[in-house]
């Protein structure tokens, strides 16, 4: 069993980005992402909420075929920890964490989004070529996931969906 750990951080409001997103808007965006993941992550084709209770949503997300990984569905338990993070827990023990954090100012204007992935691979050998290839693929996927999520949130803010 090999666990591939990857994290990627991006400024939520880099110079020139419009509109500027607040922490509350980003949090609302993450709550929408839990329920409508396909609006944020291009490799997710659909998302169905199975159960919802306080701070926890159980969903089934459908993923499209990509780079040697066939199309499949994953049941995830999504746990929200207002206003800082959401954990997406998969049946094989994989955990994806979406974190909203403050920068040096702590005044709410310098915000960052970090996605942390703990991918479990029972069929991998540590240091193998397949391991190295998957590490590269997961790093690229992490960057895409953060960038596309922020892009989706900006569009939602422009459309008034995050007010």
C-alpha atoms as a PDB file:
ATOM      1  CA  UNK A   1       0.000   0.000   0.000  1.00  0.00           C
ATOM      2  CA  UNK A   2       1.371   3.355  -1.055  1.00  0.00           C
ATOM      3  CA  UNK A   3      -0.163   6.665  -0.024  1.00  0.00           C
ATOM      4  CA  UNK A   4       0.540   9.562  -2.349  1.00  0.00           C
ATOM      5  CA  UNK A   5       0.361  12.851  -0.460  1.00  0.00           C
ATOM      6  CA  UNK A   6       0.008  16.012  -2.525  1.00  0.00           C
ATOM      7  CA  UNK A   7      -0.921  19.594  -1.620  1.00  0.00           C
ATOM      8  CA  UNK A   8      -1.373  22.679  -3.759  1.00  0.00           C
ATOM      9  CA  UNK A   9      -2.033  26.269  -2.633  1.00  0.00           C
ATOM     10  CA  UNK A  10      -3.175  29.248  -4.652  1.00  0.00           C
ATOM     11  CA  UNK A  11      -4.015  32.825  -3.698  1.00  0.00           C
ATOM     12  CA  UNK A  12      -7.771  33.296  -3.812  1.00  0.00           C
ATOM     13  CA  UNK A  13      -7.492  36.976  -4.762  1.00  0.00           C
ATOM     14  CA  UNK A  14      -4.260  37.460  -6.739  1.00  0.00           C
ATOM     15  CA  UNK A  15      -3.549  40.885  -8.231  1.00  0.00           C
ATOM     16  CA  UNK A  16      -6.001  41.648 -11.001  1.00  0.00           C
ATOM     17  CA  UNK A  17      -8.483  38.876 -10.163  1.00  0.00           C
ATOM     18  CA  UNK A  18     -12.085  40.027 -10.413  1.00  0.00           C
ATOM     19  CA  UNK A  19     -14.300  39.815  -8.576  1.00  0.00           C
ATOM     20  CA  UNK A  20     -12.499  39.723  -5.237  1.00  0.00           C
ATOM     21  CA  UNK A  21     -13.902  36.860  -3.166  1.00  0.00           C
ATOM     22  CA  UNK A  22     -14.564  37.098   0.579  1.00  0.00           C
ATOM     23  CA  UNK A  23     -14.078  34.247   3.013  1.00  0.00           C
ATOM     24  CA  UNK A  24     -17.866  33.890   3.302  1.00  0.00           C
ATOM     25  CA  UNK A  25     -18.269  33.671  -0.476  1.00  0.00           C
ATOM     26  CA  UNK A  26     -15.542  31.024  -0.691  1.00  0.00           C
ATOM     27  CA  UNK A  27     -17.192  29.070   2.126  1.00  0.00           C
ATOM     28  CA  UNK A  28     -20.548  29.230   0.346  1.00  0.00           C
ATOM     29  CA  UNK A  29     -18.783  28.089  -2.828  1.00  0.00           C
ATOM     30  CA  UNK A  30     -17.326  25.082  -1.001  1.00  0.00           C
ATOM     31  CA  UNK A  31     -20.788  24.166   0.273  1.00  0.00           C
ATOM     32  CA  UNK A  32     -22.097  24.264  -3.302  1.00  0.00           C
ATOM     33  CA  UNK A  33     -19.066  22.205  -4.401  1.00  0.00           C
ATOM     34  CA  UNK A  34     -20.042  19.475  -1.944  1.00  0.00           C
ATOM     35  CA  UNK A  35     -23.454  19.163  -3.582  1.00  0.00           C
ATOM     36  CA  UNK A  36     -22.648  20.067  -7.208  1.00  0.00           C
ATOM     37  CA  UNK A  37     -19.029  19.007  -7.684  1.00  0.00           C
ATOM     38  CA  UNK A  38     -19.323  18.899 -11.474  1.00  0.00           C
ATOM     39  CA  UNK A  39     -19.538  22.720 -11.509  1.00  0.00           C
ATOM     40  CA  UNK A  40     -16.021  22.877 -10.029  1.00  0.00           C
ATOM     41  CA  UNK A  41     -14.029  19.819 -11.062  1.00  0.00           C
ATOM     42  CA  UNK A  42     -13.930  19.011 -14.792  1.00  0.00           C
ATOM     43  CA  UNK A  43     -13.310  15.274 -14.254  1.00  0.00           C
ATOM     44  CA  UNK A  44     -16.545  14.940 -12.226  1.00  0.00           C
ATOM     45  CA  UNK A  45     -19.583  14.444 -14.449  1.00  0.00           C
ATOM     46  CA  UNK A  46     -22.316  14.284 -11.804  1.00  0.00           C
ATOM     47  CA  UNK A  47     -22.883  14.397  -8.084  1.00  0.00           C
ATOM     48  CA  UNK A  48     -25.815  12.966  -6.138  1.00  0.00           C
ATOM     49  CA  UNK A  49     -26.465  13.756  -2.469  1.00  0.00           C
ATOM     50  CA  UNK A  50     -27.483  10.580  -0.624  1.00  0.00           C
ATOM     51  CA  UNK A  51     -27.757  11.887   2.926  1.00  0.00           C
ATOM     52  CA  UNK A  52     -27.385  15.224   4.664  1.00  0.00           C
ATOM     53  CA  UNK A  53     -27.125  16.110   8.330  1.00  0.00           C
ATOM     54  CA  UNK A  54     -25.478  18.867  10.327  1.00  0.00           C
ATOM     55  CA  UNK A  55     -22.005  19.585   8.869  1.00  0.00           C
ATOM     56  CA  UNK A  56     -21.953  16.290   6.930  1.00  0.00           C
ATOM     57  CA  UNK A  57     -23.080  15.262   3.455  1.00  0.00           C
ATOM     58  CA  UNK A  58     -22.834  11.803   1.910  1.00  0.00           C
ATOM     59  CA  UNK A  59     -22.633  11.954  -1.875  1.00  0.00           C
ATOM     60  CA  UNK A  60     -21.818   9.838  -4.902  1.00  0.00           C
ATOM     61  CA  UNK A  61     -19.585  11.573  -7.438  1.00  0.00           C
ATOM     62  CA  UNK A  62     -19.144  10.188 -10.955  1.00  0.00           C
ATOM     63  CA  UNK A  63     -15.675  10.594 -12.476  1.00  0.00           C
ATOM     64  CA  UNK A  64     -14.916  10.456 -16.203  1.00  0.00           C
ATOM     65  CA  UNK A  65     -12.287   8.208 -17.741  1.00  0.00           C
ATOM     66  CA  UNK A  66      -8.786   9.719 -17.581  1.00  0.00           C
ATOM     67  CA  UNK A  67      -5.152   8.674 -18.103  1.00  0.00           C
ATOM     68  CA  UNK A  68      -5.497   4.975 -17.389  1.00  0.00           C
ATOM     69  CA  UNK A  69      -8.209   5.372 -14.742  1.00  0.00           C
ATOM     70  CA  UNK A  70     -11.589   4.129 -16.004  1.00  0.00           C
ATOM     71  CA  UNK A  71     -14.785   6.084 -15.389  1.00  0.00           C
ATOM     72  CA  UNK A  72     -16.160   5.273 -11.946  1.00  0.00           C
ATOM     73  CA  UNK A  73     -18.308   6.468  -9.059  1.00  0.00           C
ATOM     74  CA  UNK A  74     -17.056   7.232  -5.560  1.00  0.00           C
ATOM     75  CA  UNK A  75     -19.149   7.503  -2.414  1.00  0.00           C
ATOM     76  CA  UNK A  76     -17.748  10.287  -0.250  1.00  0.00           C
ATOM     77  CA  UNK A  77     -18.509  11.580   3.206  1.00  0.00           C
ATOM     78  CA  UNK A  78     -18.035  15.360   3.143  1.00  0.00           C
ATOM     79  CA  UNK A  79     -17.433  16.994   6.532  1.00  0.00           C
ATOM     80  CA  UNK A  80     -17.514  20.785   6.871  1.00  0.00           C
ATOM     81  CA  UNK A  81     -15.548  22.681   9.517  1.00  0.00           C
ATOM     82  CA  UNK A  82     -16.738  26.284   9.238  1.00  0.00           C
ATOM     83  CA  UNK A  83     -15.108  28.497   8.041  1.00  0.00           C
ATOM     84  CA  UNK A  84     -11.784  26.821   7.356  1.00  0.00           C
ATOM     85  CA  UNK A  85     -12.022  23.389   5.744  1.00  0.00           C
ATOM     86  CA  UNK A  86     -13.988  20.587   4.152  1.00  0.00           C
ATOM     87  CA  UNK A  87     -12.841  16.951   4.244  1.00  0.00           C
ATOM     88  CA  UNK A  88     -13.928  14.526   1.515  1.00  0.00           C
ATOM     89  CA  UNK A  89     -13.457  10.992   2.862  1.00  0.00           C
ATOM     90  CA  UNK A  90     -13.527   8.054   0.470  1.00  0.00           C
ATOM     91  CA  UNK A  91     -14.218   4.384   1.311  1.00  0.00           C
ATOM     92  CA  UNK A  92     -10.603   3.310   0.693  1.00  0.00           C
ATOM     93  CA  UNK A  93      -9.369   5.792   3.303  1.00  0.00           C
ATOM     94  CA  UNK A  94      -8.351   8.504   0.850  1.00  0.00           C
ATOM     95  CA  UNK A  95      -8.923  12.002   2.205  1.00  0.00           C
ATOM     96  CA  UNK A  96      -9.132  15.214   0.216  1.00  0.00           C
ATOM     97  CA  UNK A  97      -9.105  18.410   2.270  1.00  0.00           C
ATOM     98  CA  UNK A  98     -10.072  21.848   0.946  1.00  0.00           C
ATOM     99  CA  UNK A  99      -8.687  24.549   3.260  1.00  0.00           C
ATOM    100  CA  UNK A 100      -9.302  28.298   3.250  1.00  0.00           C
ATOM    101  CA  UNK A 101      -6.586  30.169   5.141  1.00  0.00           C
ATOM    102  CA  UNK A 102      -5.480  33.722   5.863  1.00  0.00           C
ATOM    103  CA  UNK A 103      -2.174  35.255   4.865  1.00  0.00           C
ATOM    104  CA  UNK A 104      -0.008  37.616   6.874  1.00  0.00           C
ATOM    105  CA  UNK A 105      -2.588  40.385   7.223  1.00  0.00           C
ATOM    106  CA  UNK A 106      -5.263  38.334   9.023  1.00  0.00           C
ATOM    107  CA  UNK A 107      -7.740  41.029   7.934  1.00  0.00           C
ATOM    108  CA  UNK A 108      -9.554  38.776   5.506  1.00  0.00           C
ATOM    109  CA  UNK A 109      -8.169  40.258   2.311  1.00  0.00           C
ATOM    110  CA  UNK A 110      -5.244  37.879   1.831  1.00  0.00           C
ATOM    111  CA  UNK A 111      -6.847  34.456   1.448  1.00  0.00           C
ATOM    112  CA  UNK A 112      -5.455  31.168   0.186  1.00  0.00           C
ATOM    113  CA  UNK A 113      -7.014  27.912  -0.989  1.00  0.00           C
ATOM    114  CA  UNK A 114      -5.129  24.684  -0.351  1.00  0.00           C
ATOM    115  CA  UNK A 115      -6.235  21.267  -1.504  1.00  0.00           C
ATOM    116  CA  UNK A 116      -4.500  18.366   0.218  1.00  0.00           C
ATOM    117  CA  UNK A 117      -4.829  14.852  -1.171  1.00  0.00           C
ATOM    118  CA  UNK A 118      -4.030  11.534   0.507  1.00  0.00           C
ATOM    119  CA  UNK A 119      -4.487   9.000  -2.282  1.00  0.00           C
ATOM    120  CA  UNK A 120      -4.336   5.302  -1.341  1.00  0.00           C
ATOM    121  CA  UNK A 121      -2.923   2.859  -3.911  1.00  0.00           C
ATOM    122  CA  UNK A 122      -2.942  -0.769  -2.785  1.00  0.00           C
ATOM    123  CA  UNK A 123      -1.440  -1.958  -6.075  1.00  0.00           C
ATOM    124  CA  UNK A 124       1.623   0.323  -6.128  1.00  0.00           C
ATOM    125  CA  UNK A 125       5.203  -0.358  -5.223  1.00  0.00           C
ATOM    126  CA  UNK A 126       7.024   2.536  -3.521  1.00  0.00           C
ATOM    127  CA  UNK A 127       9.439   4.223  -5.953  1.00  0.00           C
ATOM    128  CA  UNK A 128       8.229   2.311  -9.022  1.00  0.00           C
ATOM    129  CA  UNK A 129       7.781   4.019 -12.391  1.00  0.00           C
ATOM    130  CA  UNK A 130       4.011   3.746 -11.972  1.00  0.00           C
ATOM    131  CA  UNK A 131       4.324   5.405  -8.535  1.00  0.00           C
ATOM    132  CA  UNK A 132       6.336   8.289 -10.046  1.00  0.00           C
ATOM    133  CA  UNK A 133       3.850   8.692 -12.900  1.00  0.00           C
ATOM    134  CA  UNK A 134       0.881   8.771 -10.518  1.00  0.00           C
ATOM    135  CA  UNK A 135       2.644  11.286  -8.261  1.00  0.00           C
ATOM    136  CA  UNK A 136       3.088  13.586 -11.274  1.00  0.00           C
ATOM    137  CA  UNK A 137      -0.536  13.037 -12.338  1.00  0.00           C
ATOM    138  CA  UNK A 138      -1.830  13.789  -8.826  1.00  0.00           C
ATOM    139  CA  UNK A 139       0.276  16.970  -8.575  1.00  0.00           C
ATOM    140  CA  UNK A 140      -1.116  18.229 -11.872  1.00  0.00           C
ATOM    141  CA  UNK A 141      -4.614  17.248 -10.779  1.00  0.00           C
ATOM    142  CA  UNK A 142      -4.260  19.138  -7.496  1.00  0.00           C
ATOM    143  CA  UNK A 143      -3.288  22.337  -9.289  1.00  0.00           C
ATOM    144  CA  UNK A 144      -6.144  21.944 -11.775  1.00  0.00           C
ATOM    145  CA  UNK A 145      -8.653  21.277  -8.981  1.00  0.00           C
ATOM    146  CA  UNK A 146      -7.754  24.440  -7.048  1.00  0.00           C
ATOM    147  CA  UNK A 147      -7.566  26.655 -10.136  1.00  0.00           C
ATOM    148  CA  UNK A 148     -10.832  25.386 -11.629  1.00  0.00           C
ATOM    149  CA  UNK A 149     -12.619  25.662  -8.270  1.00  0.00           C
ATOM    150  CA  UNK A 150     -11.585  29.306  -7.857  1.00  0.00           C
ATOM    151  CA  UNK A 151     -12.546  30.000 -11.470  1.00  0.00           C
ATOM    152  CA  UNK A 152     -15.992  28.494 -10.809  1.00  0.00           C
ATOM    153  CA  UNK A 153     -16.409  30.534  -7.611  1.00  0.00           C
ATOM    154  CA  UNK A 154     -15.577  33.767  -9.456  1.00  0.00           C
ATOM    155  CA  UNK A 155     -18.198  32.968 -12.090  1.00  0.00           C
ATOM    156  CA  UNK A 156     -20.733  32.185  -9.344  1.00  0.00           C
ATOM    157  CA  UNK A 157     -19.919  35.479  -7.608  1.00  0.00           C
ATOM    158  CA  UNK A 158     -20.464  37.379 -10.867  1.00  0.00           C
ATOM    159  CA  UNK A 159     -23.788  35.556 -11.310  1.00  0.00           C
ATOM    160  CA  UNK A 160     -24.835  36.433  -7.734  1.00  0.00           C
ATOM    161  CA  UNK A 161     -24.837  32.794  -6.568  1.00  0.00           C
ATOM    162  CA  UNK A 162     -22.513  33.452  -3.608  1.00  0.00           C
ATOM    163  CA  UNK A 163     -24.380  36.411  -2.064  1.00  0.00           C
END
